[in-house]
Amino acid sequence: MAIDPSATIHPSALVEDGAEIGPGATVGPFSVIGPKVRLGPDVVVKSHAVVTGLTEIGEGTVIFPFANIGDIPQDLKYRGEETRLIVGKRNRIREAVTMNTGTEGGGGITRVGDDCLFMTGSHVGHDVQVGNGVIVANHAAFAGHCIIGDNVVIGGLAGIHQWVRIGQGAIIGALTMVTNDVIPFGLVQGPRGVLDGLNLVGLKRRGVAREDIAALRAAFQHLAEGEGTFHERARHLAETADSGYVRQMVEFVLADTDRSFLTPKP
């Protein structure tokens, strides 16, 4: 066990031999820290939380009561192989959130970036890769192997199907089931997710230039109503786009994927 002298451990907490607790970290009452866990500087684990498995928690992250972080995958193919969960800096992991380690078949690592907010009861499944600045509302869930880009917003009770990619800056409405890839900056809503436009509010909040927003809107319209198949339209945009935001969208569409895309409503 390696506990920095400046860390604060409540007497009722269980910190197992082998755990590493960084400077300024706090472990609250009745929490459990497993033997292979590393808590970075100034991490706060509040009361009644469990951090277990081969798990790293980055600097300044706060874990709220009754969260279960780093337990084994919810995957019947898992056979006890040693896999990991890596959580970045300054995340807020609220009450009853669950995050699982990876699987051997999925690369072995579940990864969460920096500055994310996971609201009450949300779930990050095995081998999921979450970017920076992601907001996940109450009881939304990522199934295994999903890839979630930076600055994505997921509405409450939304479900993201396994292997789905959600591009940077997209927004998913509450109560939405997403079964296919979502383009960067897309807006998806409805019980069975429909690509219904762009996340214009998010783009404006991040200070994206008006000309880039106009270019994205024109690109979306072309993807929705242009000639040829969806991928043929995307390839045409790749040859003609001047905006870096449009190129990012097109590169995402043309990349290899295990799921087909939600296509824009015309």
C-alpha atoms as a PDB file:
ATOM      1  CA  MET A   1       0.000   0.000   0.000  1.00  0.00           C
ATOM      2  CA  ALA A   2       1.303   3.456  -0.913  1.00  0.00           C
ATOM      3  CA  ILE A   3      -0.645   6.285   0.692  1.00  0.00           C
ATOM      4  CA  ASP A   4       0.754   9.783   0.354  1.00  0.00           C
ATOM      5  CA  PRO A   5       1.058  11.468   3.767  1.00  0.00           C
ATOM      6  CA  SER A   6      -1.143  14.351   2.597  1.00  0.00           C
ATOM      7  CA  ALA A   7      -4.036  12.034   1.672  1.00  0.00           C
ATOM      8  CA  THR A   8      -7.069  11.792   3.960  1.00  0.00           C
ATOM      9  CA  ILE A   9      -8.547   8.338   4.615  1.00  0.00           C
ATOM     10  CA  HIS A  10     -11.629   8.027   6.806  1.00  0.00           C
ATOM     11  CA  PRO A  11     -11.183   5.402   9.560  1.00  0.00           C
ATOM     12  CA  SER A  12     -14.176   3.406   8.296  1.00  0.00           C
ATOM     13  CA  ALA A  13     -12.889   3.207   4.709  1.00  0.00           C
ATOM     14  CA  LEU A  14     -11.274  -0.012   3.463  1.00  0.00           C
ATOM     15  CA  VAL A  15      -8.120   0.604   1.451  1.00  0.00           C
ATOM     16  CA  GLU A  16      -6.656  -2.756   0.455  1.00  0.00           C
ATOM     17  CA  ASP A  17      -2.958  -3.534   0.445  1.00  0.00           C
ATOM     18  CA  GLY A  18      -1.377  -2.546  -2.865  1.00  0.00           C
ATOM     19  CA  ALA A  19      -3.581   0.481  -3.558  1.00  0.00           C
ATOM     20  CA  GLU A  20      -1.869   3.782  -4.377  1.00  0.00           C
ATOM     21  CA  ILE A  21      -3.400   6.967  -2.987  1.00  0.00           C
ATOM     22  CA  GLY A  22      -1.927  10.197  -4.363  1.00  0.00           C
ATOM     23  CA  PRO A  23      -1.188  13.507  -2.652  1.00  0.00           C
ATOM     24  CA  GLY A  24      -4.219  15.411  -1.433  1.00  0.00           C
ATOM     25  CA  ALA A  25      -6.614  12.560  -2.230  1.00  0.00           C
ATOM     26  CA  THR A  26      -9.597  11.899   0.023  1.00  0.00           C
ATOM     27  CA  VAL A  27     -11.367   8.595   0.686  1.00  0.00           C
ATOM     28  CA  GLY A  28     -14.669   9.004   2.522  1.00  0.00           C
ATOM     29  CA  PRO A  29     -16.428   6.806   5.075  1.00  0.00           C
ATOM     30  CA  PHE A  30     -17.344   3.221   4.208  1.00  0.00           C
ATOM     31  CA  SER A  31     -15.764   3.386   0.751  1.00  0.00           C
ATOM     32  CA  VAL A  32     -13.697   0.502  -0.638  1.00  0.00           C
ATOM     33  CA  ILE A  33     -10.490   0.947  -2.635  1.00  0.00           C
ATOM     34  CA  GLY A  34      -9.193  -2.236  -4.268  1.00  0.00           C
ATOM     35  CA  PRO A  35      -5.585  -3.493  -4.198  1.00  0.00           C
ATOM     36  CA  LYS A  36      -4.788  -2.536  -7.812  1.00  0.00           C
ATOM     37  CA  VAL A  37      -6.351   0.921  -7.788  1.00  0.00           C
ATOM     38  CA  ARG A  38      -4.389   4.129  -8.306  1.00  0.00           C
ATOM     39  CA  LEU A  39      -5.964   7.392  -7.178  1.00  0.00           C
ATOM     40  CA  GLY A  40      -4.185  10.468  -8.558  1.00  0.00           C
ATOM     41  CA  PRO A  41      -3.600  13.769  -6.785  1.00  0.00           C
ATOM     42  CA  ASP A  42      -6.637  15.459  -5.238  1.00  0.00           C
ATOM     43  CA  VAL A  43      -9.046  12.673  -6.198  1.00  0.00           C
ATOM     44  CA  VAL A  44     -12.100  12.585  -3.941  1.00  0.00           C
ATOM     45  CA  VAL A  45     -13.960   9.328  -3.298  1.00  0.00           C
ATOM     46  CA  LYS A  46     -17.027  10.139  -1.239  1.00  0.00           C
ATOM     47  CA  SER A  47     -18.827   7.795   1.147  1.00  0.00           C
ATOM     48  CA  HIS A  48     -19.995   4.290   0.205  1.00  0.00           C
ATOM     49  CA  ALA A  49     -18.276   4.209  -3.209  1.00  0.00           C
ATOM     50  CA  VAL A  50     -16.339   1.240  -4.591  1.00  0.00           C
ATOM     51  CA  VAL A  51     -13.257   1.625  -6.782  1.00  0.00           C
ATOM     52  CA  THR A  52     -11.842  -1.746  -7.735  1.00  0.00           C
ATOM     53  CA  GLY A  53     -10.046  -3.668 -10.476  1.00  0.00           C
ATOM     54  CA  LEU A  54      -6.956  -2.481 -12.322  1.00  0.00           C
ATOM     55  CA  THR A  55      -8.183   1.098 -12.291  1.00  0.00           C
ATOM     56  CA  GLU A  56      -6.536   4.515 -12.544  1.00  0.00           C
ATOM     57  CA  ILE A  57      -8.378   7.682 -11.529  1.00  0.00           C
ATOM     58  CA  GLY A  58      -6.897  10.974 -12.764  1.00  0.00           C
ATOM     59  CA  GLU A  59      -6.154  14.128 -10.829  1.00  0.00           C
ATOM     60  CA  GLY A  60      -9.073  16.077  -9.372  1.00  0.00           C
ATOM     61  CA  THR A  61     -11.769  13.564 -10.279  1.00  0.00           C
ATOM     62  CA  VAL A  62     -14.636  13.286  -7.780  1.00  0.00           C
ATOM     63  CA  ILE A  63     -16.537  10.018  -7.270  1.00  0.00           C
ATOM     64  CA  PHE A  64     -19.872  10.331  -5.486  1.00  0.00           C
ATOM     65  CA  PRO A  65     -21.635   7.878  -3.133  1.00  0.00           C
ATOM     66  CA  PHE A  66     -22.619   4.385  -4.279  1.00  0.00           C
ATOM     67  CA  ALA A  67     -20.692   4.560  -7.567  1.00  0.00           C
ATOM     68  CA  ASN A  68     -19.059   1.277  -8.621  1.00  0.00           C
ATOM     69  CA  ILE A  69     -15.959   1.996 -10.669  1.00  0.00           C
ATOM     70  CA  GLY A  70     -13.679  -0.634 -12.210  1.00  0.00           C
ATOM     71  CA  ASP A  71     -15.634  -3.819 -11.677  1.00  0.00           C
ATOM     72  CA  ILE A  72     -15.585  -6.663 -14.195  1.00  0.00           C
ATOM     73  CA  PRO A  73     -17.336  -6.400 -17.595  1.00  0.00           C
ATOM     74  CA  GLN A  74     -20.976  -7.342 -18.006  1.00  0.00           C
ATOM     75  CA  ASP A  75     -20.005  -9.733 -20.771  1.00  0.00           C
ATOM     76  CA  LEU A  76     -20.487 -13.502 -20.666  1.00  0.00           C
ATOM     77  CA  LYS A  77     -17.327 -13.966 -22.761  1.00  0.00           C
ATOM     78  CA  TYR A  78     -15.220 -12.483 -19.956  1.00  0.00           C
ATOM     79  CA  ARG A  79     -13.110 -15.190 -18.340  1.00  0.00           C
ATOM     80  CA  GLY A  80     -11.252 -13.298 -15.645  1.00  0.00           C
ATOM     81  CA  GLU A  81      -8.454 -11.841 -17.775  1.00  0.00           C
ATOM     82  CA  GLU A  82      -6.781  -8.777 -16.266  1.00  0.00           C
ATOM     83  CA  THR A  83      -8.094  -5.701 -18.025  1.00  0.00           C
ATOM     84  CA  ARG A  84      -8.129  -2.014 -17.143  1.00  0.00           C
ATOM     85  CA  LEU A  85     -10.167   1.126 -16.622  1.00  0.00           C
ATOM     86  CA  ILE A  86      -8.434   4.484 -17.055  1.00  0.00           C
ATOM     87  CA  VAL A  87     -10.318   7.615 -16.000  1.00  0.00           C
ATOM     88  CA  GLY A  88      -8.818  11.032 -16.764  1.00  0.00           C
ATOM     89  CA  LYS A  89      -8.687  14.303 -14.865  1.00  0.00           C
ATOM     90  CA  ARG A  90     -11.373  16.496 -13.303  1.00  0.00           C
ATOM     91  CA  ASN A  91     -14.289  14.192 -14.009  1.00  0.00           C
ATOM     92  CA  ARG A  92     -17.484  14.258 -11.950  1.00  0.00           C
ATOM     93  CA  ILE A  93     -18.838  10.749 -11.451  1.00  0.00           C
ATOM     94  CA  ARG A  94     -22.158  11.057  -9.671  1.00  0.00           C
ATOM     95  CA  GLU A  95     -24.183   8.708  -7.493  1.00  0.00           C
ATOM     96  CA  ALA A  96     -24.631   5.073  -8.598  1.00  0.00           C
ATOM     97  CA  VAL A  97     -22.589   5.429 -11.796  1.00  0.00           C
ATOM     98  CA  THR A  98     -21.016   2.188 -13.046  1.00  0.00           C
ATOM     99  CA  MET A  99     -17.861   1.911 -15.171  1.00  0.00           C
ATOM    100  CA  ASN A 100     -16.450  -1.480 -16.155  1.00  0.00           C
ATOM    101  CA  THR A 101     -12.982  -2.590 -17.185  1.00  0.00           C
ATOM    102  CA  GLY A 102     -12.283  -3.836 -20.712  1.00  0.00           C
ATOM    103  CA  THR A 103     -12.213  -7.299 -22.238  1.00  0.00           C
ATOM    104  CA  GLU A 104      -9.408  -9.155 -23.950  1.00  0.00           C
ATOM    105  CA  GLY A 105     -11.362  -9.237 -27.213  1.00  0.00           C
ATOM    106  CA  GLY A 106     -12.051  -5.501 -27.095  1.00  0.00           C
ATOM    107  CA  GLY A 107      -8.508  -4.277 -26.513  1.00  0.00           C
ATOM    108  CA  GLY A 108      -8.469  -4.636 -22.741  1.00  0.00           C
ATOM    109  CA  ILE A 109      -8.980  -0.979 -21.752  1.00  0.00           C
ATOM    110  CA  THR A 110     -12.035   1.107 -21.012  1.00  0.00           C
ATOM    111  CA  ARG A 111     -11.001   4.756 -21.151  1.00  0.00           C
ATOM    112  CA  VAL A 112     -12.619   8.020 -20.044  1.00  0.00           C
ATOM    113  CA  GLY A 113     -11.061  11.391 -20.945  1.00  0.00           C
ATOM    114  CA  ASP A 114     -10.910  14.631 -18.953  1.00  0.00           C
ATOM    115  CA  ASP A 115     -13.569  17.069 -17.713  1.00  0.00           C
ATOM    116  CA  CYS A 116     -16.578  14.803 -18.192  1.00  0.00           C
ATOM    117  CA  LEU A 117     -19.793  14.703 -16.174  1.00  0.00           C
ATOM    118  CA  PHE A 118     -21.536  11.383 -15.594  1.00  0.00           C
ATOM    119  CA  MET A 119     -24.877  12.010 -13.893  1.00  0.00           C
ATOM    120  CA  THR A 120     -26.690   9.662 -11.535  1.00  0.00           C
ATOM    121  CA  GLY A 121     -26.977   6.034 -12.617  1.00  0.00           C
ATOM    122  CA  SER A 122     -25.211   6.353 -15.965  1.00  0.00           C
ATOM    123  CA  HIS A 123     -23.162   3.419 -17.251  1.00  0.00           C
ATOM    124  CA  VAL A 124     -19.907   3.042 -19.203  1.00  0.00           C
ATOM    125  CA  GLY A 125     -19.588  -0.503 -20.535  1.00  0.00           C
ATOM    126  CA  HIS A 126     -16.514  -2.563 -21.301  1.00  0.00           C
ATOM    127  CA  ASP A 127     -13.970  -1.302 -23.860  1.00  0.00           C
ATOM    128  CA  VAL A 128     -15.808   2.015 -24.317  1.00  0.00           C
ATOM    129  CA  GLN A 129     -13.632   4.995 -25.276  1.00  0.00           C
ATOM    130  CA  VAL A 130     -14.984   8.339 -24.035  1.00  0.00           C
ATOM    131  CA  GLY A 131     -13.422  11.643 -25.114  1.00  0.00           C
ATOM    132  CA  ASN A 132     -13.062  14.924 -23.222  1.00  0.00           C
ATOM    133  CA  GLY A 133     -15.846  17.225 -22.051  1.00  0.00           C
ATOM    134  CA  VAL A 134     -18.598  14.616 -22.461  1.00  0.00           C
ATOM    135  CA  ILE A 135     -21.856  15.078 -20.527  1.00  0.00           C
ATOM    136  CA  VAL A 136     -23.956  11.989 -19.814  1.00  0.00           C
ATOM    137  CA  ALA A 137     -27.340  12.643 -18.182  1.00  0.00           C
ATOM    138  CA  ASN A 138     -29.127  10.476 -15.639  1.00  0.00           C
ATOM    139  CA  HIS A 139     -29.375   6.741 -16.352  1.00  0.00           C
ATOM    140  CA  ALA A 140     -27.995   6.902 -19.892  1.00  0.00           C
ATOM    141  CA  ALA A 141     -25.845   3.931 -20.883  1.00  0.00           C
ATOM    142  CA  PHE A 142     -23.008   3.083 -23.275  1.00  0.00           C
ATOM    143  CA  ALA A 143     -22.891  -0.588 -24.275  1.00  0.00           C
ATOM    144  CA  GLY A 144     -19.565  -2.293 -24.963  1.00  0.00           C
ATOM    145  CA  HIS A 145     -17.024  -1.018 -27.497  1.00  0.00           C
ATOM    146  CA  CYS A 146     -18.666   2.370 -28.133  1.00  0.00           C
ATOM    147  CA  ILE A 147     -16.486   5.333 -29.120  1.00  0.00           C
ATOM    148  CA  ILE A 148     -17.718   8.704 -27.882  1.00  0.00           C
ATOM    149  CA  GLY A 149     -16.068  11.858 -29.262  1.00  0.00           C
ATOM    150  CA  ASP A 150     -15.175  15.051 -27.424  1.00  0.00           C
ATOM    151  CA  ASN A 151     -17.948  17.379 -26.208  1.00  0.00           C
ATOM    152  CA  VAL A 152     -20.772  14.928 -26.854  1.00  0.00           C
ATOM    153  CA  VAL A 153     -23.988  15.387 -24.836  1.00  0.00           C
ATOM    154  CA  ILE A 154     -26.146  12.356 -24.027  1.00  0.00           C
ATOM    155  CA  GLY A 155     -29.698  12.930 -22.763  1.00  0.00           C
ATOM    156  CA  GLY A 156     -31.267  11.118 -19.843  1.00  0.00           C
ATOM    157  CA  LEU A 157     -32.250   7.459 -20.251  1.00  0.00           C
ATOM    158  CA  ALA A 158     -30.636   7.292 -23.703  1.00  0.00           C
ATOM    159  CA  GLY A 159     -29.124   3.970 -24.760  1.00  0.00           C
ATOM    160  CA  ILE A 160     -26.126   3.647 -27.077  1.00  0.00           C
ATOM    161  CA  HIS A 161     -25.843   0.277 -28.817  1.00  0.00           C
ATOM    162  CA  GLN A 162     -22.573  -1.654 -28.692  1.00  0.00           C
ATOM    163  CA  TRP A 163     -19.911  -0.718 -31.279  1.00  0.00           C
ATOM    164  CA  VAL A 164     -21.609   2.597 -32.112  1.00  0.00           C
ATOM    165  CA  ARG A 165     -19.427   5.684 -32.708  1.00  0.00           C
ATOM    166  CA  ILE A 166     -20.703   9.128 -31.815  1.00  0.00           C
ATOM    167  CA  GLY A 167     -18.755  11.944 -33.431  1.00  0.00           C
ATOM    168  CA  GLN A 168     -17.405  15.035 -31.729  1.00  0.00           C
ATOM    169  CA  GLY A 169     -19.936  17.648 -30.641  1.00  0.00           C
ATOM    170  CA  ALA A 170     -23.028  15.517 -31.307  1.00  0.00           C
ATOM    171  CA  ILE A 171     -26.083  15.663 -29.037  1.00  0.00           C
ATOM    172  CA  ILE A 172     -28.418  12.748 -28.295  1.00  0.00           C
ATOM    173  CA  GLY A 173     -31.896  13.512 -26.989  1.00  0.00           C
ATOM    174  CA  ALA A 174     -33.407  11.970 -23.874  1.00  0.00           C
ATOM    175  CA  LEU A 175     -35.077   8.537 -24.154  1.00  0.00           C
ATOM    176  CA  THR A 176     -33.324   7.886 -27.472  1.00  0.00           C
ATOM    177  CA  MET A 177     -32.023   4.495 -28.578  1.00  0.00           C
ATOM    178  CA  VAL A 178     -29.015   4.911 -30.890  1.00  0.00           C
ATOM    179  CA  THR A 179     -28.195   1.829 -32.968  1.00  0.00           C
ATOM    180  CA  ASN A 180     -25.997   3.388 -35.678  1.00  0.00           C
ATOM    181  CA  ASP A 181     -23.055   5.772 -35.912  1.00  0.00           C
ATOM    182  CA  VAL A 182     -23.735   9.481 -35.476  1.00  0.00           C
ATOM    183  CA  ILE A 183     -21.849  12.092 -37.520  1.00  0.00           C
ATOM    184  CA  PRO A 184     -19.865  14.808 -35.703  1.00  0.00           C
ATOM    185  CA  PHE A 185     -22.059  17.729 -34.584  1.00  0.00           C
ATOM    186  CA  GLY A 186     -25.220  15.728 -35.337  1.00  0.00           C
ATOM    187  CA  LEU A 187     -28.528  16.037 -33.490  1.00  0.00           C
ATOM    188  CA  VAL A 188     -30.278  12.713 -32.821  1.00  0.00           C
ATOM    189  CA  GLN A 189     -33.673  12.368 -31.162  1.00  0.00           C
ATOM    190  CA  GLY A 190     -36.737  10.141 -31.070  1.00  0.00           C
ATOM    191  CA  PRO A 191     -37.399   6.739 -29.475  1.00  0.00           C
ATOM    192  CA  ARG A 192     -35.445   5.050 -32.262  1.00  0.00           C
ATOM    193  CA  GLY A 193     -32.781   7.627 -32.967  1.00  0.00           C
ATOM    194  CA  VAL A 194     -33.175   9.758 -36.084  1.00  0.00           C
ATOM    195  CA  LEU A 195     -30.505  12.156 -37.323  1.00  0.00           C
ATOM    196  CA  ASP A 196     -32.588  15.312 -37.270  1.00  0.00           C
ATOM    197  CA  GLY A 197     -30.088  18.113 -37.882  1.00  0.00           C
ATOM    198  CA  LEU A 198     -26.980  19.613 -36.313  1.00  0.00           C
ATOM    199  CA  ASN A 199     -26.150  20.507 -32.725  1.00  0.00           C
ATOM    200  CA  LEU A 200     -26.218  24.221 -33.548  1.00  0.00           C
ATOM    201  CA  VAL A 201     -26.537  25.297 -29.917  1.00  0.00           C
ATOM    202  CA  GLY A 202     -23.390  23.375 -29.016  1.00  0.00           C
ATOM    203  CA  LEU A 203     -21.465  24.807 -31.962  1.00  0.00           C
ATOM    204  CA  LYS A 204     -22.417  28.368 -31.032  1.00  0.00           C
ATOM    205  CA  ARG A 205     -21.557  27.830 -27.374  1.00  0.00           C
ATOM    206  CA  ARG A 206     -18.073  26.701 -28.354  1.00  0.00           C
ATOM    207  CA  GLY A 207     -17.574  29.796 -30.458  1.00  0.00           C
ATOM    208  CA  VAL A 208     -17.425  28.102 -33.853  1.00  0.00           C
ATOM    209  CA  ALA A 209     -17.238  30.723 -36.595  1.00  0.00           C
ATOM    210  CA  ARG A 210     -20.438  31.540 -38.489  1.00  0.00           C
ATOM    211  CA  GLU A 211     -18.884  30.565 -41.800  1.00  0.00           C
ATOM    212  CA  ASP A 212     -18.001  27.114 -40.436  1.00  0.00           C
ATOM    213  CA  ILE A 213     -21.538  26.655 -39.109  1.00  0.00           C
ATOM    214  CA  ALA A 214     -22.909  27.678 -42.505  1.00  0.00           C
ATOM    215  CA  ALA A 215     -20.564  25.180 -44.181  1.00  0.00           C
ATOM    216  CA  LEU A 216     -21.699  22.420 -41.827  1.00  0.00           C
ATOM    217  CA  ARG A 217     -25.346  23.179 -42.550  1.00  0.00           C
ATOM    218  CA  ALA A 218     -24.717  23.040 -46.295  1.00  0.00           C
ATOM    219  CA  ALA A 219     -22.790  19.781 -45.887  1.00  0.00           C
ATOM    220  CA  PHE A 220     -25.598  18.265 -43.848  1.00  0.00           C
ATOM    221  CA  GLN A 221     -28.106  19.249 -46.516  1.00  0.00           C
ATOM    222  CA  HIS A 222     -25.923  17.649 -49.171  1.00  0.00           C
ATOM    223  CA  LEU A 223     -25.666  14.427 -47.150  1.00  0.00           C
ATOM    224  CA  ALA A 224     -29.442  14.428 -46.752  1.00  0.00           C
ATOM    225  CA  GLU A 225     -30.519  15.291 -50.282  1.00  0.00           C
ATOM    226  CA  GLY A 226     -27.579  15.084 -52.663  1.00  0.00           C
ATOM    227  CA  GLU A 227     -27.287  12.623 -55.531  1.00  0.00           C
ATOM    228  CA  GLY A 228     -25.919   9.126 -55.046  1.00  0.00           C
ATOM    229  CA  THR A 229     -25.570   7.004 -51.922  1.00  0.00           C
ATOM    230  CA  PHE A 230     -24.759   8.407 -48.506  1.00  0.00           C
ATOM    231  CA  HIS A 231     -21.076   7.471 -48.843  1.00  0.00           C
ATOM    232  CA  GLU A 232     -20.893   8.838 -52.402  1.00  0.00           C
ATOM    233  CA  ARG A 233     -22.182  12.172 -51.104  1.00  0.00           C
ATOM    234  CA  ALA A 234     -19.592  12.085 -48.321  1.00  0.00           C
ATOM    235  CA  ARG A 235     -16.793  11.393 -50.811  1.00  0.00           C
ATOM    236  CA  HIS A 236     -17.957  14.347 -52.902  1.00  0.00           C
ATOM    237  CA  LEU A 237     -17.752  16.568 -49.817  1.00  0.00           C
ATOM    238  CA  ALA A 238     -14.264  15.244 -49.101  1.00  0.00           C
ATOM    239  CA  GLU A 239     -13.148  16.472 -52.520  1.00  0.00           C
ATOM    240  CA  THR A 240     -14.755  19.912 -52.265  1.00  0.00           C
ATOM    241  CA  ALA A 241     -14.895  20.993 -48.607  1.00  0.00           C
ATOM    242  CA  ASP A 242     -12.882  23.999 -47.408  1.00  0.00           C
ATOM    243  CA  SER A 243     -14.088  23.993 -43.793  1.00  0.00           C
ATOM    244  CA  GLY A 244     -12.059  21.971 -41.299  1.00  0.00           C
ATOM    245  CA  TYR A 245     -15.282  21.100 -39.477  1.00  0.00           C
ATOM    246  CA  VAL A 246     -16.789  19.652 -42.632  1.00  0.00           C
ATOM    247  CA  ARG A 247     -13.626  17.690 -43.352  1.00  0.00           C
ATOM    248  CA  GLN A 248     -13.772  16.275 -39.822  1.00  0.00           C
ATOM    249  CA  MET A 249     -17.352  15.182 -40.398  1.00  0.00           C
ATOM    250  CA  VAL A 250     -16.479  13.583 -43.727  1.00  0.00           C
ATOM    251  CA  GLU A 251     -13.420  11.770 -42.383  1.00  0.00           C
ATOM    252  CA  PHE A 252     -15.606  10.301 -39.643  1.00  0.00           C
ATOM    253  CA  VAL A 253     -18.165   9.090 -42.182  1.00  0.00           C
ATOM    254  CA  LEU A 254     -15.544   7.525 -44.456  1.00  0.00           C
ATOM    255  CA  ALA A 255     -13.656   5.730 -41.658  1.00  0.00           C
ATOM    256  CA  ASP A 256     -14.087   2.001 -41.064  1.00  0.00           C
ATOM    257  CA  THR A 257     -17.009   1.178 -38.781  1.00  0.00           C
ATOM    258  CA  ASP A 258     -18.786  -1.840 -37.360  1.00  0.00           C
ATOM    259  CA  ARG A 259     -22.158  -0.080 -37.588  1.00  0.00           C
ATOM    260  CA  SER A 260     -23.907   1.711 -40.432  1.00  0.00           C
ATOM    261  CA  PHE A 261     -24.755   5.407 -40.095  1.00  0.00           C
ATOM    262  CA  LEU A 262     -27.879   7.190 -39.074  1.00  0.00           C
ATOM    263  CA  THR A 263     -28.579   9.095 -42.264  1.00  0.00           C
ATOM    264  CA  PRO A 264     -29.949  12.668 -42.264  1.00  0.00           C
ATOM    265  CA  LYS A 265     -33.645  13.298 -42.648  1.00  0.00           C
ATOM    266  CA  PRO A 266     -34.236  14.999 -46.036  1.00  0.00           C
END
